[in-house]
Amino acid sequence: MPSYKDQDGKIHYIDDKRHEHLLPGGCIAITDAEAESLQNPPVTLAEAKDNAINEVKAEANRRIERIVPIWKQINSLADGDPDDVFAITVIPIRNASNEIENEINAKLEVGTVLAFDITNHNLWPE
């Protein structure tokens, strides 16, 4: 299927070159690879870091809720004695999460951020 790019960078497809006259003015033919690249631009370093940090937060949440489900956290707060639950379980996981996020923020290349193994990081408490 022929691909075209207009002057605003938008991609257009037509079934047959005979329909080129229907395209907006100024369109140029591009390869399928160029069309794919324009539709799916590479991830920026900032985007990669944001995505990785969101994954860290999700992993921390999974680890906390696996050990202390939300209903236990709520009951502990309601009983007025959350210190044991939070000190033993939540605080070490949150501290690990913060340190892992700092490691991610220190990375300078998209590839190293994308390859970062969050789930198996050695800072997570056992």
C-alpha atoms as a PDB file:
ATOM      1  CA  MET A   1       0.000   0.000   0.000  1.00  0.00           C
ATOM      2  CA  PRO A   2       1.606   3.293  -1.033  1.00  0.00           C
ATOM      3  CA  SER A   3       2.400   5.694   1.818  1.00  0.00           C
ATOM      4  CA  TYR A   4       2.622   9.470   1.614  1.00  0.00           C
ATOM      5  CA  LYS A   5       3.579  12.281   3.967  1.00  0.00           C
ATOM      6  CA  ASP A   6       1.908  15.672   3.788  1.00  0.00           C
ATOM      7  CA  GLN A   7       3.512  19.022   4.592  1.00  0.00           C
ATOM      8  CA  ASP A   8       2.409  18.746   8.238  1.00  0.00           C
ATOM      9  CA  GLY A   9       4.106  15.356   8.617  1.00  0.00           C
ATOM     10  CA  LYS A  10       0.856  13.376   8.644  1.00  0.00           C
ATOM     11  CA  ILE A  11       0.805   9.983   6.980  1.00  0.00           C
ATOM     12  CA  HIS A  12      -1.672   9.078   4.242  1.00  0.00           C
ATOM     13  CA  TYR A  13      -2.278   5.722   2.625  1.00  0.00           C
ATOM     14  CA  ILE A  14      -4.006   4.936  -0.616  1.00  0.00           C
ATOM     15  CA  ASP A  15      -4.926   1.589  -2.129  1.00  0.00           C
ATOM     16  CA  ASP A  16      -3.644   2.393  -5.564  1.00  0.00           C
ATOM     17  CA  LYS A  17      -1.368   5.036  -7.071  1.00  0.00           C
ATOM     18  CA  ARG A  18      -4.201   5.914  -9.426  1.00  0.00           C
ATOM     19  CA  HIS A  19      -5.796   7.717  -6.463  1.00  0.00           C
ATOM     20  CA  GLU A  20      -2.835  10.041  -5.786  1.00  0.00           C
ATOM     21  CA  HIS A  21      -4.915  12.972  -7.009  1.00  0.00           C
ATOM     22  CA  LEU A  22      -7.079  12.573  -3.884  1.00  0.00           C
ATOM     23  CA  LEU A  23      -4.159  13.273  -1.528  1.00  0.00           C
ATOM     24  CA  PRO A  24      -3.652  16.714   0.031  1.00  0.00           C
ATOM     25  CA  GLY A  25      -1.410  19.022  -1.957  1.00  0.00           C
ATOM     26  CA  GLY A  26       2.319  18.730  -1.347  1.00  0.00           C
ATOM     27  CA  CYS A  27       2.296  15.047  -0.351  1.00  0.00           C
ATOM     28  CA  ILE A  28       5.419  13.057  -1.100  1.00  0.00           C
ATOM     29  CA  ALA A  29       5.777   9.302  -1.437  1.00  0.00           C
ATOM     30  CA  ILE A  30       7.617   7.616   1.447  1.00  0.00           C
ATOM     31  CA  THR A  31       8.664   4.055   2.180  1.00  0.00           C
ATOM     32  CA  ASP A  32       6.795   1.790   4.570  1.00  0.00           C
ATOM     33  CA  ALA A  33       9.772   2.034   6.942  1.00  0.00           C
ATOM     34  CA  GLU A  34       9.571   5.848   6.916  1.00  0.00           C
ATOM     35  CA  ALA A  35       5.830   5.703   7.590  1.00  0.00           C
ATOM     36  CA  GLU A  36       6.396   3.281  10.486  1.00  0.00           C
ATOM     37  CA  SER A  37       9.099   5.545  11.928  1.00  0.00           C
ATOM     38  CA  LEU A  38       6.874   8.621  11.742  1.00  0.00           C
ATOM     39  CA  GLN A  39       3.947   6.823  13.375  1.00  0.00           C
ATOM     40  CA  ASN A  40       6.072   5.251  16.110  1.00  0.00           C
ATOM     41  CA  PRO A  41       8.861   7.679  16.978  1.00  0.00           C
ATOM     42  CA  PRO A  42      11.623   6.418  19.248  1.00  0.00           C
ATOM     43  CA  VAL A  43      11.147   6.819  22.988  1.00  0.00           C
ATOM     44  CA  THR A  44      12.925   9.825  24.479  1.00  0.00           C
ATOM     45  CA  LEU A  45      15.111   9.536  27.575  1.00  0.00           C
ATOM     46  CA  ALA A  46      12.522  11.442  29.641  1.00  0.00           C
ATOM     47  CA  GLU A  47       9.716   9.131  28.466  1.00  0.00           C
ATOM     48  CA  ALA A  48      11.794   6.030  29.178  1.00  0.00           C
ATOM     49  CA  LYS A  49      12.586   7.283  32.689  1.00  0.00           C
ATOM     50  CA  ASP A  50       8.940   8.168  33.387  1.00  0.00           C
ATOM     51  CA  ASN A  51       7.805   4.725  32.226  1.00  0.00           C
ATOM     52  CA  ALA A  52      10.478   2.960  34.290  1.00  0.00           C
ATOM     53  CA  ILE A  53       9.673   4.959  37.417  1.00  0.00           C
ATOM     54  CA  ASN A  54       5.983   4.110  37.014  1.00  0.00           C
ATOM     55  CA  GLU A  55       7.008   0.443  36.776  1.00  0.00           C
ATOM     56  CA  VAL A  56       9.040   0.808  39.994  1.00  0.00           C
ATOM     57  CA  LYS A  57       6.039   2.294  41.793  1.00  0.00           C
ATOM     58  CA  ALA A  58       3.803  -0.518  40.497  1.00  0.00           C
ATOM     59  CA  GLU A  59       6.340  -3.147  41.590  1.00  0.00           C
ATOM     60  CA  ALA A  60       6.578  -1.582  45.059  1.00  0.00           C
ATOM     61  CA  ASN A  61       2.789  -1.578  45.296  1.00  0.00           C
ATOM     62  CA  ARG A  62       2.618  -5.271  44.279  1.00  0.00           C
ATOM     63  CA  ARG A  63       5.243  -6.199  46.859  1.00  0.00           C
ATOM     64  CA  ILE A  64       3.516  -4.265  49.649  1.00  0.00           C
ATOM     65  CA  GLU A  65       0.068  -5.632  48.862  1.00  0.00           C
ATOM     66  CA  ARG A  66       1.383  -9.193  48.555  1.00  0.00           C
ATOM     67  CA  ILE A  67       2.682  -9.007  52.136  1.00  0.00           C
ATOM     68  CA  VAL A  68       0.137  -6.637  53.648  1.00  0.00           C
ATOM     69  CA  PRO A  69      -3.091  -6.501  51.631  1.00  0.00           C
ATOM     70  CA  ILE A  70      -4.874  -3.173  51.589  1.00  0.00           C
ATOM     71  CA  TRP A  71      -7.571  -4.434  53.973  1.00  0.00           C
ATOM     72  CA  LYS A  72      -4.884  -5.237  56.575  1.00  0.00           C
ATOM     73  CA  GLN A  73      -3.366  -1.801  56.104  1.00  0.00           C
ATOM     74  CA  ILE A  74      -6.765  -0.182  56.651  1.00  0.00           C
ATOM     75  CA  ASN A  75      -7.481  -2.325  59.739  1.00  0.00           C
ATOM     76  CA  SER A  76      -4.072  -1.471  61.159  1.00  0.00           C
ATOM     77  CA  LEU A  77      -4.757   2.229  60.692  1.00  0.00           C
ATOM     78  CA  ALA A  78      -8.243   1.846  62.188  1.00  0.00           C
ATOM     79  CA  ASP A  79      -6.814   0.045  65.231  1.00  0.00           C
ATOM     80  CA  GLY A  80      -4.481   2.976  65.749  1.00  0.00           C
ATOM     81  CA  ASP A  81      -1.302   0.848  65.583  1.00  0.00           C
ATOM     82  CA  PRO A  82       0.099   1.066  62.065  1.00  0.00           C
ATOM     83  CA  ASP A  83       3.721   1.304  63.168  1.00  0.00           C
ATOM     84  CA  ASP A  84       4.493  -2.429  63.134  1.00  0.00           C
ATOM     85  CA  VAL A  85       3.006  -3.064  59.699  1.00  0.00           C
ATOM     86  CA  PHE A  86       4.593  -0.028  58.117  1.00  0.00           C
ATOM     87  CA  ALA A  87       7.972  -0.268  59.795  1.00  0.00           C
ATOM     88  CA  ILE A  88       8.448  -3.943  59.012  1.00  0.00           C
ATOM     89  CA  THR A  89       6.928  -4.087  55.542  1.00  0.00           C
ATOM     90  CA  VAL A  90       6.159  -0.814  53.856  1.00  0.00           C
ATOM     91  CA  ILE A  91       9.103   1.384  54.792  1.00  0.00           C
ATOM     92  CA  PRO A  92      11.863  -0.954  53.475  1.00  0.00           C
ATOM     93  CA  ILE A  93       9.996  -1.417  50.195  1.00  0.00           C
ATOM     94  CA  ARG A  94       9.411   2.320  49.823  1.00  0.00           C
ATOM     95  CA  ASN A  95      13.079   3.011  50.575  1.00  0.00           C
ATOM     96  CA  ALA A  96      14.129   0.469  47.937  1.00  0.00           C
ATOM     97  CA  SER A  97      11.698   2.025  45.487  1.00  0.00           C
ATOM     98  CA  ASN A  98      13.174   5.487  46.075  1.00  0.00           C
ATOM     99  CA  GLU A  99      16.742   4.229  45.601  1.00  0.00           C
ATOM    100  CA  ILE A 100      15.838   2.357  42.418  1.00  0.00           C
ATOM    101  CA  GLU A 101      14.113   5.480  41.064  1.00  0.00           C
ATOM    102  CA  ASN A 102      17.286   7.474  41.804  1.00  0.00           C
ATOM    103  CA  GLU A 103      19.323   4.915  39.848  1.00  0.00           C
ATOM    104  CA  ILE A 104      16.950   5.268  36.902  1.00  0.00           C
ATOM    105  CA  ASN A 105      17.118   9.062  37.018  1.00  0.00           C
ATOM    106  CA  ALA A 106      20.919   8.897  36.929  1.00  0.00           C
ATOM    107  CA  LYS A 107      20.923   6.955  33.639  1.00  0.00           C
ATOM    108  CA  LEU A 108      21.950   8.939  30.561  1.00  0.00           C
ATOM    109  CA  GLU A 109      20.882   6.650  27.700  1.00  0.00           C
ATOM    110  CA  VAL A 110      17.483   5.378  26.629  1.00  0.00           C
ATOM    111  CA  GLY A 111      18.846   1.867  26.047  1.00  0.00           C
ATOM    112  CA  THR A 112      20.136   1.516  29.611  1.00  0.00           C
ATOM    113  CA  VAL A 113      16.800   2.676  31.013  1.00  0.00           C
ATOM    114  CA  LEU A 114      14.840   0.275  28.796  1.00  0.00           C
ATOM    115  CA  ALA A 115      17.128  -2.622  29.781  1.00  0.00           C
ATOM    116  CA  PHE A 116      16.899  -1.858  33.519  1.00  0.00           C
ATOM    117  CA  ASP A 117      15.582  -4.915  35.401  1.00  0.00           C
ATOM    118  CA  ILE A 118      13.145  -3.487  37.901  1.00  0.00           C
ATOM    119  CA  THR A 119      11.455  -6.648  39.128  1.00  0.00           C
ATOM    120  CA  ASN A 120      14.687  -8.477  39.964  1.00  0.00           C
ATOM    121  CA  HIS A 121      16.655  -5.520  41.308  1.00  0.00           C
ATOM    122  CA  ASN A 122      18.849  -6.451  44.268  1.00  0.00           C
ATOM    123  CA  LEU A 123      17.654  -3.520  46.404  1.00  0.00           C
ATOM    124  CA  TRP A 124      14.193  -5.003  46.890  1.00  0.00           C
ATOM    125  CA  PRO A 125      13.915  -6.511  50.368  1.00  0.00           C
ATOM    126  CA  GLU A 126      13.310 -10.241  50.526  1.00  0.00           C
END
